[in-house]
Amino acid sequence: MKENNRDRDDELTYKKKLTPDCDWIIKAFDGRAEARAAEMGGLTTAKELLAGMPALIEKAKFDDTTLKGIRFLGVSH
């Protein structure tokens, strides 16, 4: 009986120690799930934007004659 009581006391002590963390995660679960979903949406949007960048660059028209006036790094032709 002493051993059983000691085991029970150990279990109750462990439960008391663990309860605040469990309570916190239960209360915060839905908010954290929404935040993760929003973050994933943002990352997906960024990935799609970056994946489309080559197509945007290819459509852009550059005027090479304007580059001569810029004197990029002091180099001129």
PDB file of N, CA and C in Angstrom:
ATOM      1  N   MET A   1       0.820  -1.175   0.000  1.00  0.00           N
ATOM      2  CA  MET A   1       0.000   0.000   0.000  1.00  0.00           C
ATOM      3  C   MET A   1       0.886   1.269   0.000  1.00  0.00           C
ATOM      4  N   LYS A   2       1.993   1.227   0.736  1.00  0.00           N
ATOM      5  CA  LYS A   2       2.899   2.367   0.754  1.00  0.00           C
ATOM      6  C   LYS A   2       3.431   2.653  -0.646  1.00  0.00           C
ATOM      7  N   GLU A   3       3.790   1.603  -1.347  1.00  0.00           N
ATOM      8  CA  GLU A   3       4.306   1.772  -2.707  1.00  0.00           C
ATOM      9  C   GLU A   3       3.231   2.352  -3.629  1.00  0.00           C
ATOM     10  N   ASN A   4       2.017   1.877  -3.518  1.00  0.00           N
ATOM     11  CA  ASN A   4       0.912   2.409  -4.327  1.00  0.00           C
ATOM     12  C   ASN A   4       0.660   3.881  -4.019  1.00  0.00           C
ATOM     13  N   ASN A   5       0.695   4.251  -2.742  1.00  0.00           N
ATOM     14  CA  ASN A   5       0.494   5.639  -2.359  1.00  0.00           C
ATOM     15  C   ASN A   5       1.623   6.528  -2.892  1.00  0.00           C
ATOM     16  N   ARG A   6       2.832   6.026  -2.845  1.00  0.00           N
ATOM     17  CA  ARG A   6       3.980   6.764  -3.363  1.00  0.00           C
ATOM     18  C   ARG A   6       3.839   6.946  -4.879  1.00  0.00           C
ATOM     19  N   ASP A   7       3.436   5.897  -5.579  1.00  0.00           N
ATOM     20  CA  ASP A   7       3.219   5.993  -7.028  1.00  0.00           C
ATOM     21  C   ASP A   7       2.117   7.004  -7.347  1.00  0.00           C
ATOM     22  N   ARG A   8       1.038   6.955  -6.582  1.00  0.00           N
ATOM     23  CA  ARG A   8      -0.063   7.895  -6.791  1.00  0.00           C
ATOM     24  C   ARG A   8       0.409   9.325  -6.544  1.00  0.00           C
ATOM     25  N   ASP A   9       1.156   9.532  -5.482  1.00  0.00           N
ATOM     26  CA  ASP A   9       1.663  10.864  -5.173  1.00  0.00           C
ATOM     27  C   ASP A   9       2.592  11.372  -6.274  1.00  0.00           C
ATOM     28  N   ASP A  10       3.417  10.489  -6.803  1.00  0.00           N
ATOM     29  CA  ASP A  10       4.301  10.854  -7.909  1.00  0.00           C
ATOM     30  C   ASP A  10       3.486  11.259  -9.140  1.00  0.00           C
ATOM     31  N   GLU A  11       2.442  10.507  -9.433  1.00  0.00           N
ATOM     32  CA  GLU A  11       1.576  10.818 -10.577  1.00  0.00           C
ATOM     33  C   GLU A  11       0.871  12.159 -10.382  1.00  0.00           C
ATOM     34  N   LEU A  12       0.374  12.419  -9.183  1.00  0.00           N
ATOM     35  CA  LEU A  12      -0.306  13.676  -8.902  1.00  0.00           C
ATOM     36  C   LEU A  12       0.660  14.857  -8.979  1.00  0.00           C
ATOM     37  N   THR A  13       1.869  14.673  -8.504  1.00  0.00           N
ATOM     38  CA  THR A  13       2.880  15.719  -8.585  1.00  0.00           C
ATOM     39  C   THR A  13       3.222  16.019 -10.042  1.00  0.00           C
ATOM     40  N   TYR A  14       3.372  14.969 -10.834  1.00  0.00           N
ATOM     41  CA  TYR A  14       3.668  15.131 -12.256  1.00  0.00           C
ATOM     42  C   TYR A  14       2.521  15.849 -12.961  1.00  0.00           C
ATOM     43  N   LYS A  15       1.289  15.451 -12.663  1.00  0.00           N
ATOM     44  CA  LYS A  15       0.119  16.077 -13.268  1.00  0.00           C
ATOM     45  C   LYS A  15       0.050  17.561 -12.897  1.00  0.00           C
ATOM     46  N   LYS A  16       0.333  17.892 -11.648  1.00  0.00           N
ATOM     47  CA  LYS A  16       0.298  19.276 -11.192  1.00  0.00           C
ATOM     48  C   LYS A  16       1.362  20.112 -11.924  1.00  0.00           C
ATOM     49  N   LYS A  17       2.510  19.518 -12.145  1.00  0.00           N
ATOM     50  CA  LYS A  17       3.593  20.204 -12.849  1.00  0.00           C
ATOM     51  C   LYS A  17       3.246  20.408 -14.329  1.00  0.00           C
ATOM     52  N   LEU A  18       2.576  19.462 -14.935  1.00  0.00           N
ATOM     53  CA  LEU A  18       2.282  19.467 -16.361  1.00  0.00           C
ATOM     54  C   LEU A  18       1.040  20.289 -16.709  1.00  0.00           C
ATOM     55  N   THR A  19       0.121  20.455 -15.777  1.00  0.00           N
ATOM     56  CA  THR A  19      -1.172  21.087 -16.036  1.00  0.00           C
ATOM     57  C   THR A  19      -1.074  22.498 -16.623  1.00  0.00           C
ATOM     58  N   PRO A  20      -0.222  23.395 -16.128  1.00  0.00           N
ATOM     59  CA  PRO A  20      -0.177  24.741 -16.726  1.00  0.00           C
ATOM     60  C   PRO A  20       0.173  24.726 -18.217  1.00  0.00           C
ATOM     61  N   ASP A  21       1.110  23.896 -18.626  1.00  0.00           N
ATOM     62  CA  ASP A  21       1.465  23.809 -20.043  1.00  0.00           C
ATOM     63  C   ASP A  21       0.304  23.264 -20.864  1.00  0.00           C
ATOM     64  N   CYS A  22      -0.363  22.274 -20.349  1.00  0.00           N
ATOM     65  CA  CYS A  22      -1.507  21.694 -21.063  1.00  0.00           C
ATOM     66  C   CYS A  22      -2.637  22.710 -21.180  1.00  0.00           C
ATOM     67  N   ASP A  23      -2.915  23.414 -20.098  1.00  0.00           N
ATOM     68  CA  ASP A  23      -3.974  24.425 -20.127  1.00  0.00           C
ATOM     69  C   ASP A  23      -3.661  25.514 -21.142  1.00  0.00           C
ATOM     70  N   TRP A  24      -2.390  25.934 -21.181  1.00  0.00           N
ATOM     71  CA  TRP A  24      -2.009  26.986 -22.115  1.00  0.00           C
ATOM     72  C   TRP A  24      -2.208  26.533 -23.553  1.00  0.00           C
ATOM     73  N   ILE A  25      -1.746  25.348 -23.897  1.00  0.00           N
ATOM     74  CA  ILE A  25      -1.838  24.885 -25.288  1.00  0.00           C
ATOM     75  C   ILE A  25      -3.283  24.661 -25.696  1.00  0.00           C
ATOM     76  N   ILE A  26      -4.120  24.226 -24.763  1.00  0.00           N
ATOM     77  CA  ILE A  26      -5.538  24.051 -25.079  1.00  0.00           C
ATOM     78  C   ILE A  26      -6.182  25.401 -25.386  1.00  0.00           C
ATOM     79  N   LYS A  27      -5.860  26.427 -24.600  1.00  0.00           N
ATOM     80  CA  LYS A  27      -6.437  27.757 -24.816  1.00  0.00           C
ATOM     81  C   LYS A  27      -5.880  28.421 -26.080  1.00  0.00           C
ATOM     82  N   ALA A  28      -4.639  28.187 -26.386  1.00  0.00           N
ATOM     83  CA  ALA A  28      -3.984  28.875 -27.501  1.00  0.00           C
ATOM     84  C   ALA A  28      -4.067  28.117 -28.821  1.00  0.00           C
ATOM     85  N   PHE A  29      -4.607  26.921 -28.829  1.00  0.00           N
ATOM     86  CA  PHE A  29      -4.552  26.057 -30.003  1.00  0.00           C
ATOM     87  C   PHE A  29      -5.212  26.696 -31.227  1.00  0.00           C
ATOM     88  N   ASP A  30      -6.440  27.191 -31.074  1.00  0.00           N
ATOM     89  CA  ASP A  30      -7.157  27.747 -32.225  1.00  0.00           C
ATOM     90  C   ASP A  30      -6.460  28.988 -32.773  1.00  0.00           C
ATOM     91  N   GLY A  31      -6.015  29.858 -31.902  1.00  0.00           N
ATOM     92  CA  GLY A  31      -5.310  31.060 -32.356  1.00  0.00           C
ATOM     93  C   GLY A  31      -4.022  30.727 -33.073  1.00  0.00           C
ATOM     94  N   ARG A  32      -3.306  29.746 -32.555  1.00  0.00           N
ATOM     95  CA  ARG A  32      -2.054  29.336 -33.192  1.00  0.00           C
ATOM     96  C   ARG A  32      -2.328  28.690 -34.551  1.00  0.00           C
ATOM     97  N   ALA A  33      -3.418  27.933 -34.657  1.00  0.00           N
ATOM     98  CA  ALA A  33      -3.776  27.309 -35.937  1.00  0.00           C
ATOM     99  C   ALA A  33      -4.099  28.388 -36.974  1.00  0.00           C
ATOM    100  N   GLU A  34      -4.821  29.433 -36.560  1.00  0.00           N
ATOM    101  CA  GLU A  34      -5.140  30.528 -37.480  1.00  0.00           C
ATOM    102  C   GLU A  34      -3.863  31.261 -37.905  1.00  0.00           C
ATOM    103  N   ALA A  35      -2.971  31.486 -36.969  1.00  0.00           N
ATOM    104  CA  ALA A  35      -1.712  32.172 -37.287  1.00  0.00           C
ATOM    105  C   ALA A  35      -0.874  31.336 -38.251  1.00  0.00           C
ATOM    106  N   ARG A  36      -0.838  30.022 -38.040  1.00  0.00           N
ATOM    107  CA  ARG A  36      -0.085  29.154 -38.962  1.00  0.00           C
ATOM    108  C   ARG A  36      -0.704  29.190 -40.351  1.00  0.00           C
ATOM    109  N   ALA A  37      -2.032  29.170 -40.430  1.00  0.00           N
ATOM    110  CA  ALA A  37      -2.711  29.216 -41.731  1.00  0.00           C
ATOM    111  C   ALA A  37      -2.422  30.527 -42.447  1.00  0.00           C
ATOM    112  N   ALA A  38      -2.438  31.642 -41.705  1.00  0.00           N
ATOM    113  CA  ALA A  38      -2.138  32.941 -42.308  1.00  0.00           C
ATOM    114  C   ALA A  38      -0.696  32.983 -42.795  1.00  0.00           C
ATOM    115  N   GLU A  39       0.221  32.440 -42.009  1.00  0.00           N
ATOM    116  CA  GLU A  39       1.622  32.424 -42.415  1.00  0.00           C
ATOM    117  C   GLU A  39       1.814  31.578 -43.669  1.00  0.00           C
ATOM    118  N   MET A  40       1.171  30.427 -43.717  1.00  0.00           N
ATOM    119  CA  MET A  40       1.286  29.576 -44.900  1.00  0.00           C
ATOM    120  C   MET A  40       0.703  30.265 -46.127  1.00  0.00           C
ATOM    121  N   GLY A  41      -0.402  30.988 -45.952  1.00  0.00           N
ATOM    122  CA  GLY A  41      -0.981  31.730 -47.063  1.00  0.00           C
ATOM    123  C   GLY A  41      -0.017  32.789 -47.582  1.00  0.00           C
ATOM    124  N   GLY A  42       0.624  33.502 -46.671  1.00  0.00           N
ATOM    125  CA  GLY A  42       1.598  34.509 -47.071  1.00  0.00           C
ATOM    126  C   GLY A  42       2.790  33.907 -47.784  1.00  0.00           C
ATOM    127  N   LEU A  43       3.267  32.786 -47.277  1.00  0.00           N
ATOM    128  CA  LEU A  43       4.408  32.122 -47.917  1.00  0.00           C
ATOM    129  C   LEU A  43       4.040  31.605 -49.299  1.00  0.00           C
ATOM    130  N   THR A  44       2.830  31.078 -49.434  1.00  0.00           N
ATOM    131  CA  THR A  44       2.371  30.593 -50.739  1.00  0.00           C
ATOM    132  C   THR A  44       2.261  31.750 -51.727  1.00  0.00           C
ATOM    133  N   THR A  45       1.709  32.866 -51.278  1.00  0.00           N
ATOM    134  CA  THR A  45       1.591  34.038 -52.142  1.00  0.00           C
ATOM    135  C   THR A  45       2.973  34.526 -52.577  1.00  0.00           C
ATOM    136  N   ALA A  46       3.908  34.589 -51.643  1.00  0.00           N
ATOM    137  CA  ALA A  46       5.269  35.020 -51.976  1.00  0.00           C
ATOM    138  C   ALA A  46       5.918  34.064 -52.966  1.00  0.00           C
ATOM    139  N   LYS A  47       5.724  32.784 -52.752  1.00  0.00           N
ATOM    140  CA  LYS A  47       6.309  31.782 -53.649  1.00  0.00           C
ATOM    141  C   LYS A  47       5.736  31.938 -55.057  1.00  0.00           C
ATOM    142  N   GLU A  48       4.408  32.132 -55.154  1.00  0.00           N
ATOM    143  CA  GLU A  48       3.781  32.307 -56.461  1.00  0.00           C
ATOM    144  C   GLU A  48       4.268  33.586 -57.138  1.00  0.00           C
ATOM    145  N   LEU A  49       4.425  34.643 -56.356  1.00  0.00           N
ATOM    146  CA  LEU A  49       4.918  35.899 -56.911  1.00  0.00           C
ATOM    147  C   LEU A  49       6.329  35.729 -57.448  1.00  0.00           C
ATOM    148  N   LEU A  50       7.189  35.091 -56.653  1.00  0.00           N
ATOM    149  CA  LEU A  50       8.562  34.893 -57.086  1.00  0.00           C
ATOM    150  C   LEU A  50       8.657  33.943 -58.267  1.00  0.00           C
ATOM    151  N   ALA A  51       7.775  32.958 -58.321  1.00  0.00           N
ATOM    152  CA  ALA A  51       7.786  32.027 -59.450  1.00  0.00           C
ATOM    153  C   ALA A  51       7.396  32.737 -60.743  1.00  0.00           C
ATOM    154  N   GLY A  52       6.575  33.779 -60.636  1.00  0.00           N
ATOM    155  CA  GLY A  52       6.144  34.508 -61.821  1.00  0.00           C
ATOM    156  C   GLY A  52       7.075  35.627 -62.220  1.00  0.00           C
ATOM    157  N   MET A  53       8.102  35.900 -61.454  1.00  0.00           N
ATOM    158  CA  MET A  53       9.011  37.009 -61.747  1.00  0.00           C
ATOM    159  C   MET A  53       9.697  36.894 -63.103  1.00  0.00           C
ATOM    160  N   PRO A  54      10.205  35.740 -63.515  1.00  0.00           N
ATOM    161  CA  PRO A  54      10.848  35.679 -64.832  1.00  0.00           C
ATOM    162  C   PRO A  54       9.900  36.103 -65.953  1.00  0.00           C
ATOM    163  N   ALA A  55       8.634  35.746 -65.836  1.00  0.00           N
ATOM    164  CA  ALA A  55       7.668  36.130 -66.860  1.00  0.00           C
ATOM    165  C   ALA A  55       7.471  37.640 -66.865  1.00  0.00           C
ATOM    166  N   LEU A  56       7.473  38.258 -65.691  1.00  0.00           N
ATOM    167  CA  LEU A  56       7.325  39.704 -65.624  1.00  0.00           C
ATOM    168  C   LEU A  56       8.537  40.409 -66.214  1.00  0.00           C
ATOM    169  N   ILE A  57       9.708  39.894 -65.953  1.00  0.00           N
ATOM    170  CA  ILE A  57      10.940  40.498 -66.464  1.00  0.00           C
ATOM    171  C   ILE A  57      11.009  40.368 -67.980  1.00  0.00           C
ATOM    172  N   GLU A  58      10.581  39.216 -68.499  1.00  0.00           N
ATOM    173  CA  GLU A  58      10.619  39.004 -69.934  1.00  0.00           C
ATOM    174  C   GLU A  58       9.682  39.965 -70.657  1.00  0.00           C
ATOM    175  N   LYS A  59       8.586  40.369 -70.025  1.00  0.00           N
ATOM    176  CA  LYS A  59       7.627  41.262 -70.652  1.00  0.00           C
ATOM    177  C   LYS A  59       8.086  42.712 -70.599  1.00  0.00           C
ATOM    178  N   ALA A  60       8.994  43.024 -69.695  1.00  0.00           N
ATOM    179  CA  ALA A  60       9.457  44.406 -69.562  1.00  0.00           C
ATOM    180  C   ALA A  60      10.306  44.783 -70.770  1.00  0.00           C
ATOM    181  N   LYS A  61      10.155  46.024 -71.216  1.00  0.00           N
ATOM    182  CA  LYS A  61      10.933  46.503 -72.361  1.00  0.00           C
ATOM    183  C   LYS A  61      12.002  47.445 -71.830  1.00  0.00           C
ATOM    184  N   PHE A  62      13.219  47.167 -72.177  1.00  0.00           N
ATOM    185  CA  PHE A  62      14.337  47.987 -71.731  1.00  0.00           C
ATOM    186  C   PHE A  62      14.869  48.795 -72.908  1.00  0.00           C
ATOM    187  N   ASP A  63      15.242  50.004 -72.602  1.00  0.00           N
ATOM    188  CA  ASP A  63      15.842  50.882 -73.593  1.00  0.00           C
ATOM    189  C   ASP A  63      17.331  50.964 -73.274  1.00  0.00           C
ATOM    190  N   ASP A  64      18.146  50.265 -74.053  1.00  0.00           N
ATOM    191  CA  ASP A  64      19.588  50.228 -73.801  1.00  0.00           C
ATOM    192  C   ASP A  64      20.251  51.589 -73.959  1.00  0.00           C
ATOM    193  N   THR A  65      19.651  52.500 -74.705  1.00  0.00           N
ATOM    194  CA  THR A  65      20.273  53.810 -74.890  1.00  0.00           C
ATOM    195  C   THR A  65      20.230  54.632 -73.600  1.00  0.00           C
ATOM    196  N   THR A  66      19.280  54.390 -72.736  1.00  0.00           N
ATOM    197  CA  THR A  66      19.217  55.133 -71.478  1.00  0.00           C
ATOM    198  C   THR A  66      20.296  54.683 -70.510  1.00  0.00           C
ATOM    199  N   LEU A  67      20.824  53.490 -70.653  1.00  0.00           N
ATOM    200  CA  LEU A  67      21.858  52.997 -69.756  1.00  0.00           C
ATOM    201  C   LEU A  67      23.162  53.772 -69.903  1.00  0.00           C
ATOM    202  N   LYS A  68      23.423  54.320 -71.067  1.00  0.00           N
ATOM    203  CA  LYS A  68      24.665  55.062 -71.286  1.00  0.00           C
ATOM    204  C   LYS A  68      24.739  56.288 -70.395  1.00  0.00           C
ATOM    205  N   GLY A  69      23.629  56.912 -70.127  1.00  0.00           N
ATOM    206  CA  GLY A  69      23.618  58.120 -69.323  1.00  0.00           C
ATOM    207  C   GLY A  69      23.710  57.868 -67.827  1.00  0.00           C
ATOM    208  N   ILE A  70      23.545  56.638 -67.409  1.00  0.00           N
ATOM    209  CA  ILE A  70      23.562  56.319 -65.989  1.00  0.00           C
ATOM    210  C   ILE A  70      24.983  56.314 -65.433  1.00  0.00           C
ATOM    211  N   ARG A  71      25.952  55.948 -66.250  1.00  0.00           N
ATOM    212  CA  ARG A  71      27.355  55.816 -65.838  1.00  0.00           C
ATOM    213  C   ARG A  71      27.482  54.861 -64.658  1.00  0.00           C
ATOM    214  N   PHE A  72      26.955  53.683 -64.817  1.00  0.00           N
ATOM    215  CA  PHE A  72      26.967  52.646 -63.795  1.00  0.00           C
ATOM    216  C   PHE A  72      28.392  52.336 -63.394  1.00  0.00           C
ATOM    217  N   LEU A  73      28.708  52.539 -62.126  1.00  0.00           N
ATOM    218  CA  LEU A  73      30.040  52.330 -61.561  1.00  0.00           C
ATOM    219  C   LEU A  73      31.118  53.128 -62.289  1.00  0.00           C
ATOM    220  N   GLY A  74      30.705  54.225 -62.900  1.00  0.00           N
ATOM    221  CA  GLY A  74      31.676  55.089 -63.553  1.00  0.00           C
ATOM    222  C   GLY A  74      32.137  54.598 -64.901  1.00  0.00           C
ATOM    223  N   VAL A  75      31.531  53.536 -65.437  1.00  0.00           N
ATOM    224  CA  VAL A  75      31.929  52.993 -66.722  1.00  0.00           C
ATOM    225  C   VAL A  75      31.079  53.657 -67.805  1.00  0.00           C
ATOM    226  N   SER A  76      31.711  54.149 -68.830  1.00  0.00           N
ATOM    227  CA  SER A  76      30.968  54.749 -69.945  1.00  0.00           C
ATOM    228  C   SER A  76      31.494  54.188 -71.249  1.00  0.00           C
ATOM    229  N   HIS A  77      30.654  54.253 -72.287  1.00  0.00           N
ATOM    230  CA  HIS A  77      31.032  53.759 -73.619  1.00  0.00           C
ATOM    231  C   HIS A  77      31.183  54.880 -74.583  1.00  0.00           C
TER     232      HIS A  77
END
